[in-house]
Amino acid sequence: MGFGRAALIGACQIVALFPGMSRSGSTMAGGLIGGLRHEEAVRFSFLLATPIILAAGLLEVPSLGGTANLGPMLIGAVAAGLTAYASARFLVRYFRVGRLDPYAYYCAGLGALGLILLH
């Protein structure tokens, strides 16, 4: 993948600054626009998120409190990590044979429901 294509996909993350927009969805769509296959778009989207999520987590550690909460925090971190790994693995396997259309319909439907309920 060249720099131009990677920059296009990275720039698609800007869409996530709008309320209710998915960062992973926008980068997956950017990957498809950039000519990636579905599985490649999903994989690149997850790889693009990893440093951001890690940095955000590290920045929050000092504000979580002292060592009194260390046990529950570690259990929560491990559970969140395992869940994230399992869901990413599922999505990558799904997109080997599937498409992003169901994800787009899910996002559109949930967005419409949110607008109806919160209006």
Protein backbone atom coordinates (compact mmCIF):
# COMPACT_ATOMS: atom_id res chain seq x y z
CA MET A 1 0.00 0.00 0.00
CA GLY A 2 1.37 3.37 -0.98
CA PHE A 3 1.48 6.52 1.13
CA GLY A 4 -1.37 8.18 -0.80
CA ARG A 5 -3.78 5.32 -0.20
CA ALA A 6 -2.81 5.06 3.48
CA ALA A 7 -3.22 8.84 3.90
CA LEU A 8 -6.70 8.69 2.30
CA ILE A 9 -7.79 5.96 4.70
CA GLY A 10 -6.28 7.79 7.67
CA ALA A 11 -8.00 11.01 6.65
CA CYS A 12 -11.33 9.19 6.65
CA GLN A 13 -11.01 9.04 10.44
CA ILE A 14 -11.93 12.72 10.46
CA VAL A 15 -15.54 11.68 9.86
CA ALA A 16 -15.55 10.19 13.36
CA LEU A 17 -15.30 13.71 14.81
CA PHE A 18 -18.99 14.10 14.00
CA PRO A 19 -21.28 12.78 16.73
CA GLY A 20 -22.57 9.28 16.07
CA MET A 21 -20.07 8.49 13.32
CA SER A 22 -17.98 5.35 13.56
CA ARG A 23 -14.21 5.67 13.27
CA SER A 24 -13.80 2.07 12.23
CA GLY A 25 -16.68 2.30 9.77
CA SER A 26 -15.29 5.42 8.15
CA THR A 27 -11.80 3.96 7.81
CA MET A 28 -13.22 0.71 6.39
CA ALA A 29 -15.19 2.72 3.84
CA GLY A 30 -12.05 4.74 3.06
CA GLY A 31 -10.17 1.50 2.49
CA LEU A 32 -12.80 0.30 0.04
CA ILE A 33 -12.71 3.65 -1.76
CA GLY A 34 -8.92 3.34 -1.85
CA GLY A 35 -9.20 -0.02 -3.61
CA LEU A 36 -8.65 -2.45 -0.74
CA ARG A 37 -10.53 -5.71 -0.52
CA HIS A 38 -13.03 -6.04 2.34
CA GLU A 39 -10.73 -8.12 4.56
CA GLU A 40 -7.81 -5.76 3.97
CA ALA A 41 -9.96 -2.72 4.80
CA VAL A 42 -11.06 -4.26 8.10
CA ARG A 43 -7.54 -5.35 9.04
CA PHE A 44 -6.07 -1.91 8.24
CA SER A 45 -8.83 -0.16 10.19
CA PHE A 46 -8.05 -2.22 13.29
CA LEU A 47 -4.31 -1.70 12.90
CA LEU A 48 -4.87 2.04 12.55
CA ALA A 49 -6.83 2.11 15.81
CA THR A 50 -4.33 0.19 17.93
CA PRO A 51 -1.84 3.01 18.69
CA ILE A 52 -4.65 5.51 19.36
CA ILE A 53 -6.44 3.20 21.79
CA LEU A 54 -3.18 2.29 23.54
CA ALA A 55 -2.18 5.95 23.93
CA ALA A 56 -5.62 6.92 25.25
CA GLY A 57 -5.49 4.09 27.76
CA LEU A 58 -2.03 5.06 28.98
CA LEU A 59 -3.08 8.70 29.36
CA GLU A 60 -6.01 7.66 31.57
CA VAL A 61 -4.03 5.42 33.94
CA PRO A 62 -2.97 8.25 36.33
CA SER A 63 -6.56 9.43 36.75
CA LEU A 64 -7.87 5.98 37.72
CA GLY A 65 -6.85 6.18 41.35
CA GLY A 66 -4.23 4.52 43.47
CA THR A 67 -3.18 0.93 43.81
CA ALA A 68 -6.32 0.11 45.82
CA ASN A 69 -8.20 -0.38 42.57
CA LEU A 70 -5.41 -2.21 40.78
CA GLY A 71 -6.98 -5.70 40.91
CA PRO A 72 -10.37 -4.77 39.42
CA MET A 73 -8.66 -2.51 36.86
CA LEU A 74 -6.39 -5.31 35.68
CA ILE A 75 -9.30 -7.75 35.46
CA GLY A 76 -11.30 -5.19 33.48
CA ALA A 77 -8.34 -4.46 31.18
CA VAL A 78 -7.78 -8.16 30.46
CA ALA A 79 -11.51 -8.75 29.87
CA ALA A 80 -11.70 -5.75 27.53
CA GLY A 81 -8.58 -6.87 25.66
CA LEU A 82 -9.88 -10.42 25.19
CA THR A 83 -13.26 -9.16 24.04
CA ALA A 84 -11.67 -6.73 21.58
CA TYR A 85 -9.43 -9.49 20.22
CA ALA A 86 -12.34 -11.91 19.84
CA SER A 87 -14.56 -9.36 18.07
CA ALA A 88 -11.75 -8.25 15.75
CA ARG A 89 -10.95 -11.86 14.90
CA PHE A 90 -14.63 -12.55 14.19
CA LEU A 91 -14.95 -9.52 11.93
CA VAL A 92 -11.79 -10.31 9.99
CA ARG A 93 -12.98 -13.90 9.45
CA TYR A 94 -16.46 -12.67 8.47
CA PHE A 95 -15.14 -10.24 5.91
CA ARG A 96 -13.11 -12.93 4.16
CA VAL A 97 -16.38 -14.16 2.70
CA GLY A 98 -18.85 -11.39 3.58
CA ARG A 99 -19.22 -7.74 2.75
CA LEU A 100 -19.59 -4.48 4.65
CA ASP A 101 -23.21 -4.00 3.56
CA PRO A 102 -24.72 -5.50 6.76
CA TYR A 103 -22.54 -3.19 8.85
CA ALA A 104 -23.71 -0.18 6.85
CA TYR A 105 -27.36 -1.17 7.28
CA TYR A 106 -26.79 -1.69 11.01
CA CYS A 107 -25.23 1.76 11.37
CA ALA A 108 -27.95 3.44 9.31
CA GLY A 109 -30.74 1.69 11.21
CA LEU A 110 -29.28 2.41 14.62
CA GLY A 111 -28.68 6.02 13.63
CA ALA A 112 -32.26 6.42 12.42
CA LEU A 113 -33.58 4.83 15.62
CA GLY A 114 -31.44 7.19 17.68
CA LEU A 115 -32.80 10.19 15.79
CA ILE A 116 -36.37 9.02 16.31
CA LEU A 117 -35.96 8.29 20.01
CA LEU A 118 -33.96 11.40 20.82
CA HIS A 119 -35.95 13.88 18.75
